[in-house]
N, C-alpha and C. Protein backbone atom coordinates (compact mmCIF):
# COMPACT_ATOMS: atom_id res chain seq x y z
N MET A 1 2.15 7.16 7.97
CA MET A 1 1.98 7.32 6.54
C MET A 1 0.59 7.90 6.29
N LYS A 2 0.56 8.98 5.57
CA LYS A 2 -0.72 9.59 5.18
C LYS A 2 -1.34 8.78 4.05
N LEU A 3 -2.64 8.91 3.89
CA LEU A 3 -3.33 8.21 2.81
C LEU A 3 -2.76 8.61 1.45
N SER A 4 -2.45 9.89 1.29
CA SER A 4 -1.89 10.34 0.01
C SER A 4 -0.51 9.70 -0.25
N GLU A 5 0.27 9.50 0.81
CA GLU A 5 1.56 8.83 0.66
C GLU A 5 1.36 7.35 0.30
N PHE A 6 0.36 6.74 0.91
CA PHE A 6 0.03 5.36 0.59
C PHE A 6 -0.33 5.23 -0.89
N GLN A 7 -1.20 6.10 -1.35
CA GLN A 7 -1.63 6.07 -2.74
C GLN A 7 -0.46 6.28 -3.69
N ARG A 8 0.43 7.22 -3.35
CA ARG A 8 1.61 7.48 -4.17
C ARG A 8 2.52 6.25 -4.18
N ALA A 9 2.69 5.61 -3.04
CA ALA A 9 3.55 4.44 -2.94
C ALA A 9 3.02 3.29 -3.80
N VAL A 10 1.70 3.10 -3.79
CA VAL A 10 1.09 2.04 -4.59
C VAL A 10 1.35 2.29 -6.08
N VAL A 11 1.13 3.52 -6.53
CA VAL A 11 1.36 3.85 -7.94
C VAL A 11 2.84 3.72 -8.29
N ASP A 12 3.71 4.21 -7.42
CA ASP A 12 5.15 4.13 -7.69
C ASP A 12 5.63 2.68 -7.79
N GLU A 13 5.11 1.83 -6.93
CA GLU A 13 5.57 0.44 -6.88
C GLU A 13 4.90 -0.44 -7.93
N PHE A 14 3.61 -0.25 -8.16
CA PHE A 14 2.86 -1.18 -9.00
C PHE A 14 2.29 -0.57 -10.28
N GLY A 15 2.32 0.75 -10.40
CA GLY A 15 1.67 1.41 -11.53
C GLY A 15 0.22 1.68 -11.17
N SER A 16 -0.43 2.55 -11.92
CA SER A 16 -1.78 2.96 -11.54
C SER A 16 -2.82 1.87 -11.78
N GLY A 17 -2.80 1.21 -12.92
CA GLY A 17 -3.80 0.19 -13.22
C GLY A 17 -3.67 -1.04 -12.34
N TYR A 18 -2.47 -1.61 -12.31
CA TYR A 18 -2.24 -2.81 -11.51
C TYR A 18 -2.38 -2.49 -10.02
N GLY A 19 -1.90 -1.34 -9.61
CA GLY A 19 -2.02 -0.93 -8.21
C GLY A 19 -3.47 -0.86 -7.77
N GLN A 20 -4.32 -0.28 -8.61
CA GLN A 20 -5.74 -0.18 -8.28
C GLN A 20 -6.37 -1.57 -8.19
N ALA A 21 -5.98 -2.46 -9.09
CA ALA A 21 -6.50 -3.83 -9.04
C ALA A 21 -6.08 -4.53 -7.76
N LEU A 22 -4.83 -4.33 -7.35
CA LEU A 22 -4.38 -4.94 -6.10
C LEU A 22 -5.18 -4.43 -4.90
N LEU A 23 -5.45 -3.13 -4.89
CA LEU A 23 -6.18 -2.54 -3.76
C LEU A 23 -7.58 -3.11 -3.62
N THR A 24 -8.22 -3.41 -4.73
CA THR A 24 -9.62 -3.83 -4.67
C THR A 24 -9.83 -5.33 -4.82
N ASP A 25 -8.83 -6.05 -5.32
CA ASP A 25 -9.03 -7.48 -5.61
C ASP A 25 -8.22 -8.43 -4.74
N LEU A 26 -7.04 -8.03 -4.30
CA LEU A 26 -6.17 -8.92 -3.54
C LEU A 26 -6.60 -8.98 -2.08
N VAL A 27 -7.00 -10.16 -1.62
CA VAL A 27 -7.41 -10.34 -0.23
C VAL A 27 -6.16 -10.59 0.61
N LEU A 28 -6.02 -9.83 1.66
CA LEU A 28 -4.85 -9.90 2.53
C LEU A 28 -5.24 -10.59 3.85
N GLY A 29 -4.82 -11.83 4.00
CA GLY A 29 -5.13 -12.59 5.21
C GLY A 29 -4.64 -11.89 6.47
N GLU A 30 -3.52 -11.24 6.34
CA GLU A 30 -2.91 -10.52 7.46
C GLU A 30 -3.82 -9.40 7.99
N LEU A 31 -4.71 -8.94 7.14
CA LEU A 31 -5.63 -7.85 7.54
C LEU A 31 -7.05 -8.38 7.72
N GLY A 32 -7.16 -9.61 8.16
CA GLY A 32 -8.47 -10.18 8.46
C GLY A 32 -9.25 -10.59 7.24
N GLY A 33 -8.57 -10.94 6.16
CA GLY A 33 -9.26 -11.37 4.95
C GLY A 33 -9.92 -10.23 4.20
N ARG A 34 -9.37 -9.03 4.36
CA ARG A 34 -9.89 -7.85 3.66
C ARG A 34 -8.97 -7.50 2.50
N THR A 35 -9.51 -6.77 1.55
CA THR A 35 -8.65 -6.17 0.54
C THR A 35 -8.01 -4.94 1.19
N ALA A 36 -7.02 -4.39 0.53
CA ALA A 36 -6.38 -3.19 1.06
C ALA A 36 -7.39 -2.05 1.18
N GLN A 37 -8.25 -1.91 0.18
CA GLN A 37 -9.26 -0.85 0.22
C GLN A 37 -10.24 -1.06 1.36
N GLU A 38 -10.67 -2.29 1.57
CA GLU A 38 -11.58 -2.59 2.69
C GLU A 38 -10.91 -2.29 4.03
N ALA A 39 -9.63 -2.63 4.13
CA ALA A 39 -8.89 -2.38 5.36
C ALA A 39 -8.79 -0.87 5.64
N LEU A 40 -8.49 -0.10 4.62
CA LEU A 40 -8.43 1.36 4.78
C LEU A 40 -9.79 1.90 5.19
N ASN A 41 -10.85 1.42 4.54
CA ASN A 41 -12.20 1.87 4.86
C ASN A 41 -12.60 1.49 6.29
N ALA A 42 -12.02 0.40 6.81
CA ALA A 42 -12.32 -0.05 8.17
C ALA A 42 -11.49 0.70 9.22
N GLY A 43 -10.61 1.59 8.76
CA GLY A 43 -9.83 2.40 9.69
C GLY A 43 -8.46 1.85 10.04
N ILE A 44 -8.03 0.81 9.35
CA ILE A 44 -6.67 0.30 9.58
C ILE A 44 -5.70 1.31 9.02
N PRO A 45 -4.66 1.67 9.79
CA PRO A 45 -3.72 2.70 9.34
C PRO A 45 -3.06 2.35 8.00
N ALA A 46 -2.87 3.38 7.19
CA ALA A 46 -2.30 3.20 5.85
C ALA A 46 -0.94 2.50 5.90
N ARG A 47 -0.11 2.82 6.89
CA ARG A 47 1.22 2.18 7.00
C ARG A 47 1.07 0.68 7.18
N GLU A 48 0.13 0.26 8.04
CA GLU A 48 -0.10 -1.16 8.28
C GLU A 48 -0.59 -1.86 7.00
N VAL A 49 -1.47 -1.21 6.27
CA VAL A 49 -1.98 -1.77 5.02
C VAL A 49 -0.85 -1.85 4.00
N TRP A 50 -0.03 -0.81 3.90
CA TRP A 50 1.09 -0.80 2.97
C TRP A 50 2.04 -1.95 3.25
N LEU A 51 2.40 -2.15 4.50
CA LEU A 51 3.34 -3.22 4.84
C LEU A 51 2.74 -4.59 4.56
N ALA A 52 1.47 -4.79 4.83
CA ALA A 52 0.81 -6.06 4.53
C ALA A 52 0.81 -6.30 3.02
N LEU A 53 0.53 -5.27 2.26
CA LEU A 53 0.52 -5.36 0.80
C LEU A 53 1.92 -5.70 0.28
N CYS A 54 2.93 -5.07 0.85
CA CYS A 54 4.31 -5.35 0.46
C CYS A 54 4.69 -6.80 0.74
N ARG A 55 4.36 -7.27 1.93
CA ARG A 55 4.70 -8.65 2.27
C ARG A 55 3.98 -9.65 1.35
N GLU A 56 2.71 -9.40 1.11
CA GLU A 56 1.91 -10.32 0.29
C GLU A 56 2.38 -10.38 -1.15
N THR A 57 2.86 -9.27 -1.69
CA THR A 57 3.24 -9.21 -3.10
C THR A 57 4.74 -9.36 -3.33
N GLY A 58 5.51 -9.51 -2.27
CA GLY A 58 6.95 -9.73 -2.42
C GLY A 58 7.75 -8.49 -2.76
N VAL A 59 7.26 -7.33 -2.36
CA VAL A 59 8.01 -6.10 -2.58
C VAL A 59 9.28 -6.15 -1.72
N PRO A 60 10.44 -5.84 -2.29
CA PRO A 60 11.69 -5.88 -1.50
C PRO A 60 11.61 -4.92 -0.30
N GLN A 61 12.18 -5.34 0.81
CA GLN A 61 12.14 -4.52 2.02
C GLN A 61 12.74 -3.14 1.82
N SER A 62 13.65 -3.02 0.89
CA SER A 62 14.25 -1.71 0.63
C SER A 62 13.23 -0.70 0.10
N HIS A 63 12.07 -1.17 -0.35
CA HIS A 63 11.02 -0.28 -0.86
C HIS A 63 9.93 -0.01 0.16
N TRP A 64 10.00 -0.66 1.33
CA TRP A 64 8.92 -0.56 2.31
C TRP A 64 8.87 0.79 3.01
N TYR A 65 10.01 1.30 3.43
CA TYR A 65 10.04 2.47 4.29
C TYR A 65 10.37 3.72 3.49
N GLY A 66 9.65 4.77 3.77
CA GLY A 66 9.84 6.01 3.04
C GLY A 66 9.07 6.04 1.73
N ALA A 67 8.40 4.96 1.41
CA ALA A 67 7.63 4.90 0.17
C ALA A 67 6.49 5.91 0.23
N GLY A 68 6.25 6.57 -0.89
CA GLY A 68 5.15 7.50 -0.98
C GLY A 68 5.49 8.93 -0.60
N LYS A 69 6.64 9.11 -0.01
CA LYS A 69 7.03 10.46 0.38
C LYS A 69 7.52 11.22 -0.85
N PRO A 70 7.14 12.47 -0.98
CA PRO A 70 7.62 13.23 -2.14
C PRO A 70 9.13 13.44 -2.07
N ALA A 71 9.73 13.61 -3.21
CA ALA A 71 11.17 13.87 -3.25
C ALA A 71 11.45 15.20 -2.54
N PRO A 72 12.58 15.26 -1.82
CA PRO A 72 12.90 16.51 -1.11
C PRO A 72 13.07 17.68 -2.09
N LYS A 73 12.63 18.83 -1.66
CA LYS A 73 12.80 20.03 -2.49
C LYS A 73 14.23 20.51 -2.36
N ARG A 74 14.76 21.02 -3.46
CA ARG A 74 16.14 21.51 -3.45
C ARG A 74 16.19 22.99 -3.43
């Protein structure tokens, strides 16, 4: 997952305001007690951060994979 896909997935799932708050305020024990933003800054892959965020916030598994990818062009 690219960083841009991660960012798109966060906005799609949580909205821009709440998503940004989650990235900077929610501490994820699974990522060593870091926020999602701290984890990304520390070099943890975006996919790993996305999945930890999903598990912590109760996002349905059906939204975990393929999130953030642009819609296919027709």
